[in-house]
Amino acid sequence: MLQVRSVSGSSSRCEDGGCGSSFYPTTTPVGIVAVVDAEADKMLLVRQPRFPPGMFSCVAGFLDVGESLEDCVRREVAEEVGLEVENVSYRSSQHWPFPSGSLMIGCHALVKPGQTVQIDKKEIDEARWFSRKEVASALKVSMEDPLVGVRGKDVENIFVPPSGALAHHLIKDWHLS
């Protein structure tokens, strides 16, 4: 059986006496969200156990079958940090091939007032509210040395994902707003 890849590269087809079926790569949708407390003018960032030391990012998680993006974002924030969010709005998306072909769908959301962060230690190591000044510093570290977390060196200041990642742009959007 010979599989022939399409010119666009998006599928392959079983030919040469095979079944004639077309096969498409699996893409897994992931909701990723920048959570903001508008009253305190702060952004919530989290550290997952797999992150390099010093790196913080946005809350993210896989969409469940039949779940809307907005419901995914609300559920993931509630599961990971125990907060309710509202005003979920779409920003943009990004294909993320690691580890298995995810489609990152970026959003912004506002936390409902009067809540306290309650971390799910099975999901994340830490969650903190950051001021605009702290976010600016983290963005600067990431821009000056995009491989800061990869180099394995001790990190004195926190940093965020590099500019090639959707999370970086979600964080930067709030910093510049």
N, C-alpha and C. Protein backbone atom coordinates (compact mmCIF):
# COMPACT_ATOMS: atom_id res chain seq x y z
N MET A 1 0.85 -1.18 0.00
CA MET A 1 0.00 0.00 0.00
C MET A 1 0.90 1.24 0.00
N LEU A 2 0.61 2.15 -0.88
CA LEU A 2 1.38 3.38 -1.02
C LEU A 2 0.54 4.55 -0.53
N GLN A 3 1.11 5.33 0.40
CA GLN A 3 0.42 6.54 0.85
C GLN A 3 1.08 7.73 0.17
N VAL A 4 0.26 8.56 -0.50
CA VAL A 4 0.75 9.72 -1.21
C VAL A 4 0.28 10.97 -0.47
N ARG A 5 1.23 11.83 -0.14
CA ARG A 5 0.90 13.07 0.57
C ARG A 5 0.35 14.09 -0.43
N SER A 6 -0.65 14.85 -0.01
CA SER A 6 -1.24 15.86 -0.89
C SER A 6 -0.25 17.00 -1.12
N VAL A 7 -0.44 17.73 -2.18
CA VAL A 7 0.44 18.84 -2.52
C VAL A 7 0.48 19.86 -1.38
N SER A 8 -0.66 20.09 -0.74
CA SER A 8 -0.72 21.07 0.36
C SER A 8 -0.07 20.53 1.63
N GLY A 9 0.12 19.22 1.71
CA GLY A 9 0.74 18.63 2.89
C GLY A 9 -0.24 18.37 4.02
N SER A 10 -1.52 18.62 3.78
CA SER A 10 -2.49 18.50 4.87
C SER A 10 -3.10 17.10 5.00
N SER A 11 -2.86 16.25 4.06
CA SER A 11 -3.42 14.90 4.13
C SER A 11 -2.57 13.94 3.31
N SER A 12 -2.87 12.66 3.49
CA SER A 12 -2.27 11.65 2.61
C SER A 12 -3.38 10.70 2.16
N ARG A 13 -3.16 10.07 1.02
CA ARG A 13 -4.19 9.22 0.43
C ARG A 13 -3.59 7.86 0.16
N CYS A 14 -4.35 6.85 0.50
CA CYS A 14 -3.96 5.47 0.27
C CYS A 14 -4.23 5.15 -1.21
N GLU A 15 -3.15 4.87 -1.97
CA GLU A 15 -3.30 4.61 -3.41
C GLU A 15 -2.62 3.31 -3.80
N ASP A 16 -2.41 3.13 -5.08
CA ASP A 16 -1.73 1.98 -5.64
C ASP A 16 -2.37 0.66 -5.19
N GLY A 17 -3.68 0.55 -5.45
CA GLY A 17 -4.38 -0.68 -5.10
C GLY A 17 -4.85 -0.72 -3.66
N GLY A 18 -4.63 0.36 -2.93
CA GLY A 18 -5.06 0.40 -1.52
C GLY A 18 -6.53 0.76 -1.41
N CYS A 19 -6.91 1.23 -0.26
CA CYS A 19 -8.32 1.50 0.03
C CYS A 19 -8.83 2.81 -0.55
N GLY A 20 -7.94 3.72 -0.95
CA GLY A 20 -8.35 5.00 -1.53
C GLY A 20 -8.77 6.05 -0.51
N SER A 21 -8.62 5.73 0.76
CA SER A 21 -9.04 6.66 1.82
C SER A 21 -8.03 7.80 1.99
N SER A 22 -8.55 8.94 2.43
CA SER A 22 -7.70 10.08 2.78
C SER A 22 -7.55 10.12 4.29
N PHE A 23 -6.36 10.48 4.73
CA PHE A 23 -6.06 10.56 6.16
C PHE A 23 -5.57 11.97 6.49
N TYR A 24 -6.10 12.52 7.58
CA TYR A 24 -5.75 13.88 8.01
C TYR A 24 -5.10 13.82 9.39
N PRO A 25 -4.14 14.68 9.63
CA PRO A 25 -3.49 14.66 10.95
C PRO A 25 -4.47 15.07 12.05
N THR A 26 -4.28 14.50 13.22
CA THR A 26 -5.11 14.85 14.36
C THR A 26 -4.62 16.17 14.95
N THR A 27 -5.55 17.06 15.20
CA THR A 27 -5.23 18.33 15.85
C THR A 27 -6.06 18.42 17.11
N THR A 28 -5.40 18.72 18.23
CA THR A 28 -6.08 18.80 19.51
C THR A 28 -6.25 20.25 19.91
N PRO A 29 -7.50 20.73 20.11
CA PRO A 29 -7.70 22.13 20.50
C PRO A 29 -7.38 22.36 21.98
N VAL A 30 -6.70 23.47 22.23
CA VAL A 30 -6.31 23.87 23.59
C VAL A 30 -6.73 25.32 23.79
N GLY A 31 -7.47 25.58 24.86
CA GLY A 31 -7.79 26.95 25.24
C GLY A 31 -6.70 27.51 26.12
N ILE A 32 -6.20 28.67 25.79
CA ILE A 32 -5.18 29.35 26.61
C ILE A 32 -5.69 30.76 26.88
N VAL A 33 -5.57 31.20 28.14
CA VAL A 33 -6.23 32.45 28.51
C VAL A 33 -5.36 33.32 29.40
N ALA A 34 -5.36 34.60 29.10
CA ALA A 34 -4.74 35.62 29.95
C ALA A 34 -5.84 36.12 30.88
N VAL A 35 -5.69 35.85 32.17
CA VAL A 35 -6.69 36.22 33.18
C VAL A 35 -6.26 37.53 33.83
N VAL A 36 -7.17 38.49 33.84
CA VAL A 36 -6.85 39.83 34.36
C VAL A 36 -7.85 40.22 35.45
N ASP A 37 -7.33 40.87 36.49
CA ASP A 37 -8.16 41.51 37.51
C ASP A 37 -8.17 42.99 37.16
N ALA A 38 -9.26 43.45 36.54
CA ALA A 38 -9.33 44.84 36.06
C ALA A 38 -9.30 45.84 37.22
N GLU A 39 -9.92 45.49 38.35
CA GLU A 39 -9.95 46.41 39.50
C GLU A 39 -8.56 46.63 40.09
N ALA A 40 -7.77 45.56 40.21
CA ALA A 40 -6.43 45.65 40.79
C ALA A 40 -5.37 45.95 39.73
N ASP A 41 -5.76 45.90 38.44
CA ASP A 41 -4.84 46.09 37.32
C ASP A 41 -3.66 45.11 37.41
N LYS A 42 -4.02 43.81 37.54
CA LYS A 42 -3.01 42.76 37.63
C LYS A 42 -3.39 41.60 36.73
N MET A 43 -2.37 40.83 36.35
CA MET A 43 -2.56 39.65 35.51
C MET A 43 -2.14 38.42 36.29
N LEU A 44 -2.92 37.35 36.15
CA LEU A 44 -2.60 36.08 36.79
C LEU A 44 -1.74 35.26 35.85
N LEU A 45 -0.61 34.80 36.35
CA LEU A 45 0.26 33.90 35.59
C LEU A 45 0.54 32.67 36.44
N VAL A 46 0.76 31.54 35.79
CA VAL A 46 0.96 30.28 36.49
C VAL A 46 2.27 29.62 36.07
N ARG A 47 2.75 28.74 36.98
CA ARG A 47 3.93 27.91 36.70
C ARG A 47 3.51 26.45 36.72
N GLN A 48 3.74 25.78 35.63
CA GLN A 48 3.49 24.33 35.57
C GLN A 48 4.78 23.61 35.94
N PRO A 49 4.69 22.40 36.49
CA PRO A 49 5.89 21.66 36.89
C PRO A 49 6.89 21.45 35.76
N ARG A 50 6.42 21.36 34.53
CA ARG A 50 7.32 21.10 33.40
C ARG A 50 8.02 22.35 32.88
N PHE A 51 7.63 23.54 33.37
CA PHE A 51 8.26 24.79 32.92
C PHE A 51 9.68 24.90 33.45
N PRO A 52 10.54 25.57 32.70
CA PRO A 52 11.88 25.83 33.23
C PRO A 52 11.79 26.76 34.45
N PRO A 53 12.75 26.69 35.36
CA PRO A 53 12.73 27.56 36.54
C PRO A 53 12.59 29.03 36.14
N GLY A 54 11.68 29.73 36.81
CA GLY A 54 11.48 31.16 36.58
C GLY A 54 10.42 31.51 35.56
N MET A 55 9.95 30.51 34.78
CA MET A 55 8.97 30.82 33.73
C MET A 55 7.54 30.74 34.25
N PHE A 56 6.76 31.77 33.91
CA PHE A 56 5.33 31.82 34.19
C PHE A 56 4.60 32.02 32.86
N SER A 57 3.38 31.51 32.79
CA SER A 57 2.60 31.64 31.56
C SER A 57 1.12 31.75 31.89
N CYS A 58 0.31 31.62 30.87
CA CYS A 58 -1.14 31.71 31.00
C CYS A 58 -1.73 30.35 31.35
N VAL A 59 -2.92 30.35 31.89
CA VAL A 59 -3.66 29.12 32.14
C VAL A 59 -4.05 28.51 30.79
N ALA A 60 -3.90 27.19 30.68
CA ALA A 60 -4.23 26.52 29.42
C ALA A 60 -4.71 25.10 29.69
N GLY A 61 -5.52 24.58 28.77
CA GLY A 61 -5.96 23.20 28.89
C GLY A 61 -6.73 22.75 27.67
N PHE A 62 -6.82 21.45 27.52
CA PHE A 62 -7.49 20.85 26.37
C PHE A 62 -9.00 21.01 26.44
N LEU A 63 -9.61 21.24 25.29
CA LEU A 63 -11.07 21.29 25.20
C LEU A 63 -11.61 19.87 25.34
N ASP A 64 -12.68 19.72 26.11
CA ASP A 64 -13.36 18.43 26.20
C ASP A 64 -14.28 18.27 24.99
N VAL A 65 -14.62 17.04 24.67
CA VAL A 65 -15.52 16.77 23.55
C VAL A 65 -16.85 17.49 23.79
N GLY A 66 -17.29 18.23 22.79
CA GLY A 66 -18.57 18.93 22.86
C GLY A 66 -18.53 20.24 23.64
N GLU A 67 -17.38 20.63 24.12
CA GLU A 67 -17.24 21.84 24.94
C GLU A 67 -16.91 23.05 24.07
N SER A 68 -17.51 24.19 24.37
CA SER A 68 -17.17 25.41 23.64
C SER A 68 -15.83 25.94 24.17
N LEU A 69 -15.20 26.80 23.40
CA LEU A 69 -13.95 27.41 23.82
C LEU A 69 -14.15 28.20 25.11
N GLU A 70 -15.23 28.97 25.16
CA GLU A 70 -15.49 29.79 26.35
C GLU A 70 -15.68 28.92 27.59
N ASP A 71 -16.41 27.81 27.45
CA ASP A 71 -16.60 26.90 28.58
C ASP A 71 -15.28 26.24 28.99
N CYS A 72 -14.45 25.90 28.02
CA CYS A 72 -13.13 25.33 28.31
C CYS A 72 -12.30 26.30 29.15
N VAL A 73 -12.26 27.55 28.73
CA VAL A 73 -11.47 28.56 29.44
C VAL A 73 -11.99 28.71 30.87
N ARG A 74 -13.30 28.82 31.02
CA ARG A 74 -13.89 28.95 32.36
C ARG A 74 -13.54 27.74 33.23
N ARG A 75 -13.68 26.55 32.66
CA ARG A 75 -13.41 25.31 33.40
C ARG A 75 -11.95 25.21 33.80
N GLU A 76 -11.04 25.47 32.87
CA GLU A 76 -9.61 25.35 33.16
C GLU A 76 -9.17 26.33 34.25
N VAL A 77 -9.65 27.56 34.17
CA VAL A 77 -9.30 28.55 35.21
C VAL A 77 -9.85 28.09 36.55
N ALA A 78 -11.08 27.62 36.57
CA ALA A 78 -11.69 27.13 37.82
C ALA A 78 -10.92 25.93 38.37
N GLU A 79 -10.55 24.99 37.50
CA GLU A 79 -9.82 23.79 37.95
C GLU A 79 -8.43 24.13 38.47
N GLU A 80 -7.69 24.95 37.74
CA GLU A 80 -6.29 25.19 38.08
C GLU A 80 -6.08 26.20 39.20
N VAL A 81 -6.92 27.23 39.25
CA VAL A 81 -6.69 28.29 40.24
C VAL A 81 -7.93 28.66 41.05
N GLY A 82 -9.02 27.95 40.86
CA GLY A 82 -10.21 28.15 41.67
C GLY A 82 -10.91 29.49 41.49
N LEU A 83 -10.79 30.08 40.31
CA LEU A 83 -11.40 31.39 40.06
C LEU A 83 -12.47 31.29 38.99
N GLU A 84 -13.47 32.15 39.10
CA GLU A 84 -14.48 32.29 38.04
C GLU A 84 -14.09 33.47 37.18
N VAL A 85 -14.20 33.29 35.85
CA VAL A 85 -13.91 34.38 34.92
C VAL A 85 -15.14 34.69 34.09
N GLU A 86 -15.14 35.90 33.54
CA GLU A 86 -16.23 36.36 32.68
C GLU A 86 -15.62 37.15 31.53
N ASN A 87 -16.47 37.58 30.62
CA ASN A 87 -16.03 38.37 29.46
C ASN A 87 -14.90 37.68 28.70
N VAL A 88 -15.07 36.41 28.42
CA VAL A 88 -14.07 35.66 27.66
C VAL A 88 -14.13 36.13 26.22
N SER A 89 -12.98 36.57 25.69
CA SER A 89 -12.94 37.03 24.30
C SER A 89 -11.77 36.38 23.56
N TYR A 90 -12.03 36.04 22.32
CA TYR A 90 -11.03 35.41 21.45
C TYR A 90 -10.00 36.44 21.01
N ARG A 91 -8.73 36.03 20.96
CA ARG A 91 -7.65 36.90 20.47
C ARG A 91 -7.09 36.37 19.16
N SER A 92 -6.54 35.16 19.18
CA SER A 92 -5.98 34.54 17.97
C SER A 92 -5.62 33.09 18.28
N SER A 93 -5.16 32.39 17.25
CA SER A 93 -4.78 30.99 17.44
C SER A 93 -3.39 30.74 16.87
N GLN A 94 -2.85 29.58 17.24
CA GLN A 94 -1.51 29.21 16.79
C GLN A 94 -1.41 27.69 16.79
N HIS A 95 -0.91 27.14 15.69
CA HIS A 95 -0.61 25.71 15.69
C HIS A 95 0.63 25.50 16.55
N TRP A 96 0.57 24.51 17.43
CA TRP A 96 1.69 24.20 18.32
C TRP A 96 1.97 22.72 18.20
N PRO A 97 3.04 22.35 17.47
CA PRO A 97 3.26 20.94 17.15
C PRO A 97 3.75 20.08 18.31
N PHE A 98 4.08 20.67 19.45
CA PHE A 98 4.65 19.91 20.56
C PHE A 98 3.64 19.69 21.66
N PRO A 99 3.40 18.56 22.21
CA PRO A 99 4.03 17.30 21.81
C PRO A 99 3.28 16.59 20.69
N SER A 100 2.02 17.00 20.41
CA SER A 100 1.29 16.18 19.43
C SER A 100 0.27 16.97 18.61
N GLY A 101 0.66 18.07 18.06
CA GLY A 101 -0.22 18.78 17.14
C GLY A 101 -1.41 19.46 17.76
N SER A 102 -1.17 20.44 18.62
CA SER A 102 -2.26 21.18 19.25
C SER A 102 -2.56 22.46 18.46
N LEU A 103 -3.80 22.88 18.55
CA LEU A 103 -4.20 24.18 18.05
C LEU A 103 -4.47 25.03 19.28
N MET A 104 -3.57 25.95 19.58
CA MET A 104 -3.72 26.84 20.74
C MET A 104 -4.69 27.95 20.35
N ILE A 105 -5.74 28.13 21.16
CA ILE A 105 -6.76 29.14 20.88
C ILE A 105 -6.72 30.14 22.02
N GLY A 106 -6.18 31.32 21.72
CA GLY A 106 -5.90 32.32 22.76
C GLY A 106 -7.06 33.24 23.06
N CYS A 107 -7.26 33.47 24.36
CA CYS A 107 -8.35 34.32 24.83
C CYS A 107 -7.87 35.27 25.93
N HIS A 108 -8.69 36.26 26.17
CA HIS A 108 -8.54 37.14 27.32
C HIS A 108 -9.81 36.97 28.16
N ALA A 109 -9.69 37.09 29.48
CA ALA A 109 -10.85 36.99 30.36
C ALA A 109 -10.61 37.83 31.61
N LEU A 110 -11.71 38.28 32.20
CA LEU A 110 -11.66 39.05 33.44
C LEU A 110 -12.10 38.16 34.59
N VAL A 111 -11.39 38.25 35.71
CA VAL A 111 -11.77 37.51 36.89
C VAL A 111 -12.93 38.23 37.57
N LYS A 112 -13.88 37.46 38.08
CA LYS A 112 -14.97 38.06 38.85
C LYS A 112 -14.39 38.57 40.17
N PRO A 113 -14.80 39.74 40.63
CA PRO A 113 -14.22 40.36 41.84
C PRO A 113 -14.44 39.53 43.11
N GLY A 114 -13.54 39.74 44.07
CA GLY A 114 -13.69 39.19 45.42
C GLY A 114 -13.33 37.73 45.58
N GLN A 115 -12.48 37.19 44.75
CA GLN A 115 -12.10 35.78 44.84
C GLN A 115 -10.65 35.63 45.28
N THR A 116 -10.36 34.45 45.80
CA THR A 116 -9.00 34.13 46.22
C THR A 116 -8.48 32.96 45.38
N VAL A 117 -7.24 33.05 44.96
CA VAL A 117 -6.62 31.97 44.18
C VAL A 117 -6.49 30.72 45.05
N GLN A 118 -6.91 29.58 44.51
CA GLN A 118 -6.77 28.29 45.17
C GLN A 118 -6.15 27.33 44.17
N ILE A 119 -4.88 27.08 44.34
CA ILE A 119 -4.09 26.31 43.36
C ILE A 119 -4.38 24.82 43.46
N ASP A 120 -4.53 24.19 42.29
CA ASP A 120 -4.59 22.73 42.20
C ASP A 120 -3.16 22.25 42.01
N LYS A 121 -2.55 21.76 43.08
CA LYS A 121 -1.13 21.36 43.05
C LYS A 121 -0.86 20.18 42.11
N LYS A 122 -1.90 19.47 41.67
CA LYS A 122 -1.69 18.39 40.70
C LYS A 122 -1.47 18.98 39.30
N GLU A 123 -1.98 20.19 39.08
CA GLU A 123 -1.91 20.83 37.76
C GLU A 123 -0.76 21.82 37.65
N ILE A 124 -0.61 22.67 38.68
CA ILE A 124 0.39 23.74 38.61
C ILE A 124 1.15 23.86 39.92
N ASP A 125 2.35 24.43 39.84
CA ASP A 125 3.19 24.64 41.03
C ASP A 125 2.85 25.94 41.74
N GLU A 126 2.52 26.95 40.96
CA GLU A 126 2.36 28.28 41.54
C GLU A 126 1.46 29.14 40.65
N ALA A 127 0.73 30.04 41.28
CA ALA A 127 -0.06 31.04 40.56
C ALA A 127 0.08 32.34 41.33
N ARG A 128 0.35 33.42 40.59
CA ARG A 128 0.54 34.72 41.24
C ARG A 128 -0.06 35.82 40.38
N TRP A 129 -0.49 36.89 41.06
CA TRP A 129 -0.93 38.09 40.38
C TRP A 129 0.29 38.98 40.16
N PHE A 130 0.43 39.50 38.94
CA PHE A 130 1.57 40.35 38.59
C PHE A 130 1.09 41.73 38.17
N SER A 131 1.83 42.74 38.60
CA SER A 131 1.55 44.11 38.19
C SER A 131 2.05 44.33 36.77
N ARG A 132 1.66 45.44 36.17
CA ARG A 132 2.16 45.77 34.83
C ARG A 132 3.68 45.91 34.82
N LYS A 133 4.23 46.47 35.89
CA LYS A 133 5.69 46.63 35.98
C LYS A 133 6.38 45.26 36.01
N GLU A 134 5.83 44.32 36.77
CA GLU A 134 6.42 42.98 36.84
C GLU A 134 6.28 42.25 35.50
N VAL A 135 5.15 42.43 34.84
CA VAL A 135 4.94 41.80 33.52
C VAL A 135 5.91 42.41 32.51
N ALA A 136 6.10 43.71 32.57
CA ALA A 136 7.06 44.38 31.67
C ALA A 136 8.45 43.81 31.86
N SER A 137 8.85 43.59 33.09
CA SER A 137 10.16 43.03 33.39
C SER A 137 10.29 41.61 32.85
N ALA A 138 9.25 40.79 33.03
CA ALA A 138 9.26 39.41 32.54
C ALA A 138 9.32 39.37 31.01
N LEU A 139 8.58 40.27 30.36
CA LEU A 139 8.64 40.35 28.90
C LEU A 139 10.03 40.76 28.43
N LYS A 140 10.65 41.69 29.13
CA LYS A 140 11.99 42.16 28.77
C LYS A 140 13.01 41.03 28.87
N VAL A 141 12.94 40.25 29.94
CA VAL A 141 13.86 39.11 30.10
C VAL A 141 13.70 38.15 28.93
N SER A 142 12.45 37.86 28.56
CA SER A 142 12.18 36.92 27.46
C SER A 142 12.65 37.45 26.12
N MET A 143 12.52 38.76 25.91
CA MET A 143 12.94 39.36 24.64
C MET A 143 14.47 39.46 24.54
N GLU A 144 15.12 39.77 25.65
CA GLU A 144 16.58 39.91 25.63
C GLU A 144 17.27 38.56 25.47
N ASP A 145 16.69 37.51 26.02
CA ASP A 145 17.28 36.18 25.93
C ASP A 145 16.17 35.15 25.71
N PRO A 146 15.76 34.93 24.46
CA PRO A 146 14.65 34.02 24.19
C PRO A 146 14.89 32.60 24.69
N LEU A 147 16.14 32.23 24.91
CA LEU A 147 16.46 30.88 25.37
C LEU A 147 16.77 30.84 26.86
N VAL A 148 16.35 31.86 27.60
CA VAL A 148 16.68 31.96 29.02
C VAL A 148 16.30 30.69 29.78
N GLY A 149 15.16 30.11 29.52
CA GLY A 149 14.74 28.91 30.23
C GLY A 149 15.39 27.64 29.73
N VAL A 150 15.84 27.64 28.48
CA VAL A 150 16.44 26.47 27.87
C VAL A 150 17.90 26.30 28.32
N ARG A 151 18.54 27.37 28.60
CA ARG A 151 19.96 27.32 28.94
C ARG A 151 20.23 26.66 30.29
N GLY A 152 19.19 26.55 31.12
CA GLY A 152 19.36 25.88 32.40
C GLY A 152 20.10 26.69 33.44
N LYS A 153 20.31 27.96 33.16
CA LYS A 153 21.01 28.78 34.14
C LYS A 153 20.04 29.27 35.21
N ASP A 154 20.59 29.66 36.34
CA ASP A 154 19.74 30.21 37.40
C ASP A 154 19.12 31.49 36.91
N VAL A 155 17.83 31.63 37.17
CA VAL A 155 17.09 32.80 36.73
C VAL A 155 16.75 33.65 37.95
N GLU A 156 17.25 34.87 37.95
CA GLU A 156 16.96 35.77 39.07
C GLU A 156 15.57 36.37 38.96
N ASN A 157 15.16 36.67 37.75
CA ASN A 157 13.86 37.30 37.51
C ASN A 157 12.95 36.32 36.78
N ILE A 158 11.67 36.51 36.95
CA ILE A 158 10.74 35.66 36.21
C ILE A 158 10.77 36.04 34.74
N PHE A 159 10.30 35.12 33.91
CA PHE A 159 10.17 35.40 32.49
C PHE A 159 8.95 34.69 31.96
N VAL A 160 8.53 35.06 30.76
CA VAL A 160 7.36 34.47 30.12
C VAL A 160 7.82 33.74 28.86
N PRO A 161 6.94 32.98 28.23
CA PRO A 161 7.33 32.28 27.01
C PRO A 161 7.88 33.26 25.96
N PRO A 162 8.72 32.76 25.06
CA PRO A 162 9.31 33.63 24.03
C PRO A 162 8.28 34.15 23.04
N SER A 163 8.70 35.11 22.23
CA SER A 163 7.78 35.81 21.32
C SER A 163 7.15 34.91 20.26
N GLY A 164 7.66 33.72 20.05
CA GLY A 164 7.05 32.80 19.10
C GLY A 164 5.83 32.08 19.64
N ALA A 165 5.57 32.23 20.93
CA ALA A 165 4.44 31.54 21.56
C ALA A 165 3.24 32.46 21.71
N LEU A 166 2.06 31.92 21.52
CA LEU A 166 0.82 32.69 21.66
C LEU A 166 0.71 33.27 23.07
N ALA A 167 1.13 32.55 24.09
CA ALA A 167 1.07 33.05 25.47
C ALA A 167 1.81 34.38 25.60
N HIS A 168 2.94 34.50 24.94
CA HIS A 168 3.71 35.74 24.98
C HIS A 168 2.86 36.91 24.49
N HIS A 169 2.13 36.69 23.41
CA HIS A 169 1.33 37.76 22.82
C HIS A 169 0.10 38.09 23.67
N LEU A 170 -0.49 37.08 24.31
CA LEU A 170 -1.60 37.35 25.23
C LEU A 170 -1.12 38.23 26.38
N ILE A 171 0.04 37.91 26.92
CA ILE A 171 0.61 38.67 28.03
C ILE A 171 0.96 40.07 27.57
N LYS A 172 1.59 40.16 26.43
CA LYS A 172 2.00 41.46 25.88
C LYS A 172 0.79 42.35 25.58
N ASP A 173 -0.30 41.76 25.08
CA ASP A 173 -1.54 42.52 24.81
C ASP A 173 -1.96 43.28 26.05
N TRP A 174 -2.00 42.57 27.19
CA TRP A 174 -2.45 43.23 28.43
C TRP A 174 -1.45 44.30 28.86
N HIS A 175 -0.18 43.99 28.76
CA HIS A 175 0.85 44.96 29.17
C HIS A 175 0.73 46.25 28.38
N LEU A 176 0.41 46.14 27.10
CA LEU A 176 0.34 47.33 26.23
C LEU A 176 -1.04 48.00 26.25
N SER A 177 -2.02 47.38 26.88
CA SER A 177 -3.39 47.95 26.85
C SER A 177 -3.54 49.12 27.83
